[in-house]
Each structure stands twice: as structure tokens, then as C-alpha cells.
Amino acid sequence: YHREPQLTFNTSLTDLANLFDTSLPAEYVNFTHATLIEGARASLRPTLALPILTPGWFLTPTIGIHHVNYRLTRTAPGQEAAPQADIPWLSADTGLIFERDARFFGEALTQTFEPRLFYVYAPYRNQDDIPLFDTALADFNFPQLFTANRFGGGDRFGDANQATLAITSRFLHSGGQEALRATIGQRYYFDDERVGLTPTTPLRTSRESDVLASIGGRLFRHWTF
């Protein structure tokens, strides 16, 4: 698809009433194609978060809504020409940070132990009449474990009732530079999913994701791995 045109806008405000962080991303894009369904999509994705941060723990509850509407041409027989969806969602991101003194190759370091829990809930909304202009299932990687939507792009927002549990341990130099980091995490699903890319896309029925793990650091001044 060509985007003719694509207009994006975003505004955000932190420390609203010394409590909240807000954002309002918006987009208008007209998708054109020589032979496929065409149309314009307008979307708004406002969020409101209440970050609570301390040296030893954090909690960030967030609520948001995914609003999208279309004006379509060259639709299939029986397909709605002006579909729209309003999908509310909420998440809670929380974790603990423990520290202790440690030694690594004779150097005094600080070791951390950081368990983290991320919960997301989004109700089911039927999106079968909405076309796929720029959307696909997001890659399954570590950052994606801590996002609210399993899709990348603006045409789908997945139903969710799930939690991610992860544990990270880091070794830090006295100046705060990271010498070594090891992380492991997994997502747990409490409901079967119902929103797919298309009505015929196979849906997940398992109760947990694959386990993701990573390790990395700076062995020497000019070497990282």
C-alpha cells in the first residue's frame, strides 16, 4: 500500500496534578493500492498512567483506549464500508529491586535481583470486518512481553488477559555502568485468544508462551557481548 498522505500527531503531559502521565497519539492515513481494497483510517490511542516509583520498587497502572475508524472503497460484497472499533485496555507493571555487594574478577560491584510482573487486560471486540493495511503479528521478543498489544500496526488490537513474569540480575560498576545482565521471562495466558489477523488465522490456545532468556554485558572496555 501507498500512504497518500499519512499524518501523525502526539502530545503528552507528565506529572499532571503531580500524579499522572498522559499521552494522546493520533493518526490519519489514506491507503491506496492499484487492485486491493483502499481506504482512510483515523485513530486515537489516549493513555493515562499513574507511575509510583521508589528506589526499591515501582508500580505503574495504565488505562487506555484504542479507537479506530475507516472509510473504505472497493470493498467485498457485504463488507461494511465504515467499520470502527473502540477497545479499552488496562495494564499494571510492577517490580522489586534488591541490591547487594559482590565481587567479579576481584572488582567490587553491586549485584541486583529484579523480579517484574506485567499484567494486561483487553476485552474482545470483533474486528473481522476491518482490513489489514499495515498490521501483522508482532515479533515475539523480550520487549514485546511488556506491551499491551500483540499486533504491530493500527488495524488490530488483541484481546488479552495475561501476565508476564520476568527476573533480571545485573552486576553494576561503582559508577552505575552495567558489567553483566541476565534475564529470563515468560508470559501466562488466562483465556484463549479470539482476535486473529483474519477470520481464518489459527488462534492460540496454550496457557503459556515460550521462555525467553538473554545474557549480555561488557567484558572489557571495548568489548560487549
Protein backbone atom coordinates (compact mmCIF):
# COMPACT_ATOMS: atom_id res chain seq x y z
CA TYR A 1 0.00 0.00 0.00
CA HIS A 2 0.93 3.63 -0.58
CA ARG A 3 0.19 6.16 2.15
CA GLU A 4 -1.23 9.23 0.42
CA PRO A 5 -0.98 11.02 2.79
CA GLN A 6 -0.04 9.93 6.33
CA LEU A 7 -0.35 12.46 9.13
CA THR A 8 0.66 11.71 12.73
CA PHE A 9 0.37 13.73 15.91
CA ASN A 10 1.34 13.06 19.50
CA THR A 11 1.12 15.08 22.67
CA SER A 12 1.98 14.06 26.21
CA LEU A 13 1.96 15.56 29.68
CA THR A 14 3.87 14.27 32.70
CA ASP A 15 3.22 14.94 36.38
CA LEU A 16 -0.35 16.02 35.78
CA ALA A 17 -1.59 17.03 39.26
CA ASN A 18 1.76 15.61 40.45
CA LEU A 19 0.32 12.14 39.87
CA PHE A 20 -0.42 11.19 36.27
CA ASP A 21 1.33 10.82 32.93
CA THR A 22 -0.87 11.16 29.84
CA SER A 23 -0.36 10.76 26.12
CA LEU A 24 -2.54 11.18 23.04
CA PRO A 25 -1.15 9.67 19.81
CA ALA A 26 -3.31 10.30 16.74
CA GLU A 27 -3.00 9.36 13.09
CA TYR A 28 -4.77 9.86 9.79
CA VAL A 29 -3.61 7.84 6.80
CA ASN A 30 -5.11 7.16 3.37
CA PHE A 31 -4.07 3.77 1.97
CA THR A 32 -4.09 3.37 -1.81
CA HIS A 33 -3.50 0.31 -3.99
CA ALA A 34 -3.92 -0.49 -7.67
CA THR A 35 -6.14 -3.54 -7.16
CA LEU A 36 -6.91 -4.18 -3.46
CA ILE A 37 -9.37 -2.60 -1.05
CA GLU A 38 -8.50 1.03 -0.29
CA GLY A 39 -9.49 3.48 2.39
CA ALA A 40 -8.69 6.08 5.02
CA ARG A 41 -8.03 5.24 8.67
CA ALA A 42 -8.23 7.65 11.60
CA SER A 43 -7.09 6.53 15.02
CA LEU A 44 -6.71 7.84 18.57
CA ARG A 45 -4.90 5.98 21.35
CA PRO A 46 -5.06 8.02 24.57
CA THR A 47 -3.47 6.63 27.76
CA LEU A 48 -3.40 7.64 31.40
CA ALA A 49 -0.76 6.23 33.75
CA LEU A 50 -0.09 6.59 37.48
CA PRO A 51 3.63 5.86 37.99
CA ILE A 52 4.71 5.17 41.56
CA LEU A 53 8.50 4.98 41.74
CA THR A 54 10.76 4.34 44.73
CA PRO A 55 14.39 3.15 44.99
CA GLY A 56 13.26 -0.38 45.89
CA TRP A 57 10.04 -0.94 43.94
CA PHE A 58 7.76 0.51 41.29
CA LEU A 59 4.11 0.25 40.25
CA THR A 60 2.61 1.76 37.09
CA PRO A 61 -1.09 1.16 36.44
CA THR A 62 -2.19 2.36 32.99
CA ILE A 63 -5.52 2.64 31.22
CA GLY A 64 -6.04 3.39 27.56
CA ILE A 65 -8.38 3.09 24.63
CA HIS A 66 -7.71 2.11 21.03
CA HIS A 67 -10.17 3.98 18.78
CA VAL A 68 -10.06 3.48 15.04
CA ASN A 69 -12.50 4.21 12.20
CA TYR A 70 -12.36 3.72 8.44
CA ARG A 71 -13.83 4.98 5.18
CA LEU A 72 -13.32 2.16 2.67
CA THR A 73 -13.73 1.78 -1.08
CA ARG A 74 -13.52 -1.25 -3.34
CA THR A 75 -14.95 -3.41 -0.55
CA ALA A 76 -16.06 -7.00 -0.96
CA PRO A 77 -19.81 -7.73 -1.28
CA GLY A 78 -21.40 -7.46 2.14
CA GLN A 79 -18.33 -5.84 3.74
CA GLU A 80 -19.01 -2.75 5.81
CA ALA A 81 -17.67 0.46 4.24
CA ALA A 82 -17.22 2.38 7.51
CA PRO A 83 -16.16 -0.05 10.27
CA GLN A 84 -14.85 1.20 13.57
CA ALA A 85 -13.63 -0.21 16.88
CA ASP A 86 -13.30 1.13 20.41
CA ILE A 87 -11.20 -1.16 22.59
CA PRO A 88 -10.41 -0.20 26.19
CA TRP A 89 -7.46 -1.82 27.92
CA LEU A 90 -5.60 -1.67 31.20
CA SER A 91 -2.22 -2.81 32.44
CA ALA A 92 -0.22 -2.89 35.65
CA ASP A 93 3.57 -3.01 35.62
CA THR A 94 5.29 -3.67 38.95
CA GLY A 95 8.62 -4.88 40.22
CA LEU A 96 11.09 -5.03 43.08
CA ILE A 97 14.78 -4.09 43.09
CA PHE A 98 17.13 -5.79 45.55
CA GLU A 99 20.85 -4.97 45.80
CA ARG A 100 23.89 -6.48 47.46
CA ASP A 101 27.66 -6.07 47.38
CA ALA A 102 29.53 -8.56 45.16
CA ARG A 103 32.94 -9.13 43.61
CA PHE A 104 33.67 -10.02 39.99
CA PHE A 105 37.24 -10.75 38.88
CA GLY A 106 38.42 -9.03 42.05
CA GLU A 107 36.41 -5.86 41.40
CA ALA A 108 33.83 -4.56 43.85
CA LEU A 109 30.41 -4.49 42.17
CA THR A 110 26.75 -4.19 43.06
CA GLN A 111 24.51 -7.13 42.16
CA THR A 112 20.78 -6.62 41.69
CA PHE A 113 17.87 -9.06 41.74
CA GLU A 114 14.82 -7.61 39.97
CA PRO A 115 11.57 -9.60 39.72
CA ARG A 116 8.94 -7.95 37.50
CA LEU A 117 5.25 -8.65 36.88
CA PHE A 118 3.28 -7.13 33.99
CA TYR A 119 -0.48 -7.71 33.64
CA VAL A 120 -2.71 -6.74 30.69
CA TYR A 121 -6.46 -6.96 30.19
CA ALA A 122 -8.30 -6.03 26.98
CA PRO A 123 -11.85 -7.25 26.22
CA TYR A 124 -12.77 -9.00 22.98
CA ARG A 125 -14.05 -6.86 20.13
CA ASN A 126 -14.86 -8.40 16.75
CA GLN A 127 -12.52 -6.88 14.14
CA ASP A 128 -13.15 -9.27 11.24
CA ASP A 129 -14.60 -6.50 9.01
CA ILE A 130 -11.50 -4.32 9.43
CA PRO A 131 -8.96 -4.67 6.59
CA LEU A 132 -5.23 -5.26 7.03
CA PHE A 133 -3.40 -2.23 5.68
CA ASP A 134 -0.19 -2.20 7.75
CA THR A 135 -0.66 -4.76 10.53
CA ALA A 136 0.98 -8.06 11.41
CA LEU A 137 1.61 -10.15 14.49
CA ALA A 138 4.50 -8.56 16.38
CA ASP A 139 7.77 -10.43 16.71
CA PHE A 140 7.92 -12.42 19.93
CA ASN A 141 10.88 -10.91 21.76
CA PHE A 142 11.70 -9.69 25.23
CA PRO A 143 10.42 -6.08 24.88
CA GLN A 144 7.17 -7.42 23.39
CA LEU A 145 6.49 -9.34 26.63
CA PHE A 146 5.81 -5.95 28.25
CA THR A 147 3.47 -4.42 25.68
CA ALA A 148 -0.33 -4.31 25.72
CA ASN A 149 -0.96 -5.27 22.08
CA ARG A 150 0.37 -8.40 20.39
CA PHE A 151 -0.06 -6.82 16.94
CA GLY A 152 2.13 -4.27 15.23
CA GLY A 153 0.28 -1.65 13.16
CA GLY A 154 -3.04 0.11 13.54
CA ASP A 155 -5.65 -2.38 12.27
CA ARG A 156 -5.86 -4.85 15.17
CA PHE A 157 -5.86 -4.73 18.96
CA GLY A 158 -5.78 -8.14 20.56
CA ASP A 159 -7.99 -9.33 23.39
CA ALA A 160 -5.87 -10.14 26.44
CA ASN A 161 -6.00 -11.49 29.96
CA GLN A 162 -2.39 -12.30 30.64
CA ALA A 163 0.60 -11.75 32.90
CA THR A 164 4.32 -11.73 32.24
CA LEU A 165 6.76 -12.78 34.95
CA ALA A 166 10.44 -11.92 34.48
CA ILE A 167 13.56 -11.93 36.62
CA THR A 168 16.67 -9.87 35.91
CA SER A 169 20.02 -9.81 37.69
CA ARG A 170 22.69 -7.21 36.93
CA PHE A 171 26.26 -6.52 38.04
CA LEU A 172 27.00 -2.80 38.19
CA HIS A 173 30.26 -0.91 38.46
CA SER A 174 30.58 1.77 41.14
CA GLY A 175 29.66 4.44 38.58
CA GLY A 176 26.48 2.61 37.59
CA GLN A 177 27.75 1.11 34.33
CA GLU A 178 26.40 -2.36 33.62
CA ALA A 179 29.02 -5.13 33.60
CA LEU A 180 26.67 -8.10 33.19
CA ARG A 181 22.92 -8.66 32.81
CA ALA A 182 20.96 -11.92 32.79
CA THR A 183 17.20 -12.06 32.26
CA ILE A 184 14.55 -14.75 31.93
CA GLY A 185 10.82 -14.28 31.36
CA GLN A 186 7.58 -15.97 30.32
CA ARG A 187 4.00 -14.89 29.61
CA TYR A 188 1.00 -16.70 31.12
CA TYR A 189 -2.45 -16.62 29.50
CA PHE A 190 -5.69 -16.91 31.47
CA ASP A 191 -8.06 -17.00 28.46
CA ASP A 192 -7.93 -18.34 24.90
CA GLU A 193 -7.41 -15.58 22.37
CA ARG A 194 -10.23 -14.66 19.98
CA VAL A 195 -8.84 -11.85 17.79
CA GLY A 196 -6.76 -13.03 14.83
CA LEU A 197 -5.30 -11.23 11.84
CA THR A 198 -8.04 -12.77 9.67
CA PRO A 199 -11.12 -14.86 10.48
CA THR A 200 -9.19 -17.99 9.40
CA THR A 201 -5.97 -17.31 11.33
CA PRO A 202 -5.22 -20.11 13.85
CA LEU A 203 -5.64 -18.81 17.41
CA ARG A 204 -3.51 -19.55 20.45
CA THR A 205 -4.98 -21.98 22.98
CA SER A 206 -1.88 -22.64 25.13
CA ARG A 207 -1.62 -21.25 28.65
CA GLU A 208 1.97 -20.06 28.49
CA SER A 209 4.43 -18.66 25.99
CA ASP A 210 7.91 -19.85 25.18
CA VAL A 211 10.54 -18.93 27.75
CA LEU A 212 12.77 -16.06 26.70
CA ALA A 213 16.23 -15.59 28.19
CA SER A 214 19.14 -13.30 27.48
CA ILE A 215 22.59 -12.59 28.84
CA GLY A 216 24.96 -9.79 27.96
CA GLY A 217 27.49 -7.37 29.29
CA ARG A 218 30.80 -5.56 28.89
CA LEU A 219 33.74 -7.87 29.49
CA PHE A 220 36.41 -5.28 28.75
CA ARG A 221 36.49 -1.59 27.93
CA HIS A 222 35.91 -2.09 24.20
CA TRP A 223 34.15 -5.46 24.18
CA THR A 224 30.46 -6.15 24.75
CA PHE A 225 28.55 -9.38 24.19
